[in-house]
């Protein structure tokens, strides 16, 4: 069972930046695809970004150009650098892991809840206007 622990959330003004981190243990980090989802009160959980074992990436359109996902396999850590934050980015951000390591099935990108086997508890990001 993979354990995922997020950190780096907080309160920030619009236009500023935050970097989230997620440390994984108990699995084969280098072989897994790692990603981030977010959820705001009253809204459905939303895919944010994923990075594959080969560092290929995919983002939801609303964060493309502002957010960057990266990984450090030596530290079993995945990061989400969030720039130019907007109030609508306010959410609990959860780290996820997918065994197999790929981000694309050949038909679609893996951006559904059911595509991911392991979930962290989340870290809160609040962006004030």
Foldseek 3Di string as FASTA:
>chain_A
DKAKAKDWADEEAAQAKTKMKIAIDDDQLLQKKKFKWWDDPPDDIWGAKIAFSVRDIDGDPVQPPFWDWDDDNVRNMIMIIGGRDDQVVWTWMKMFIAGRGDQQPPVGGPTDPVRTDDIYPTDTHGYHD
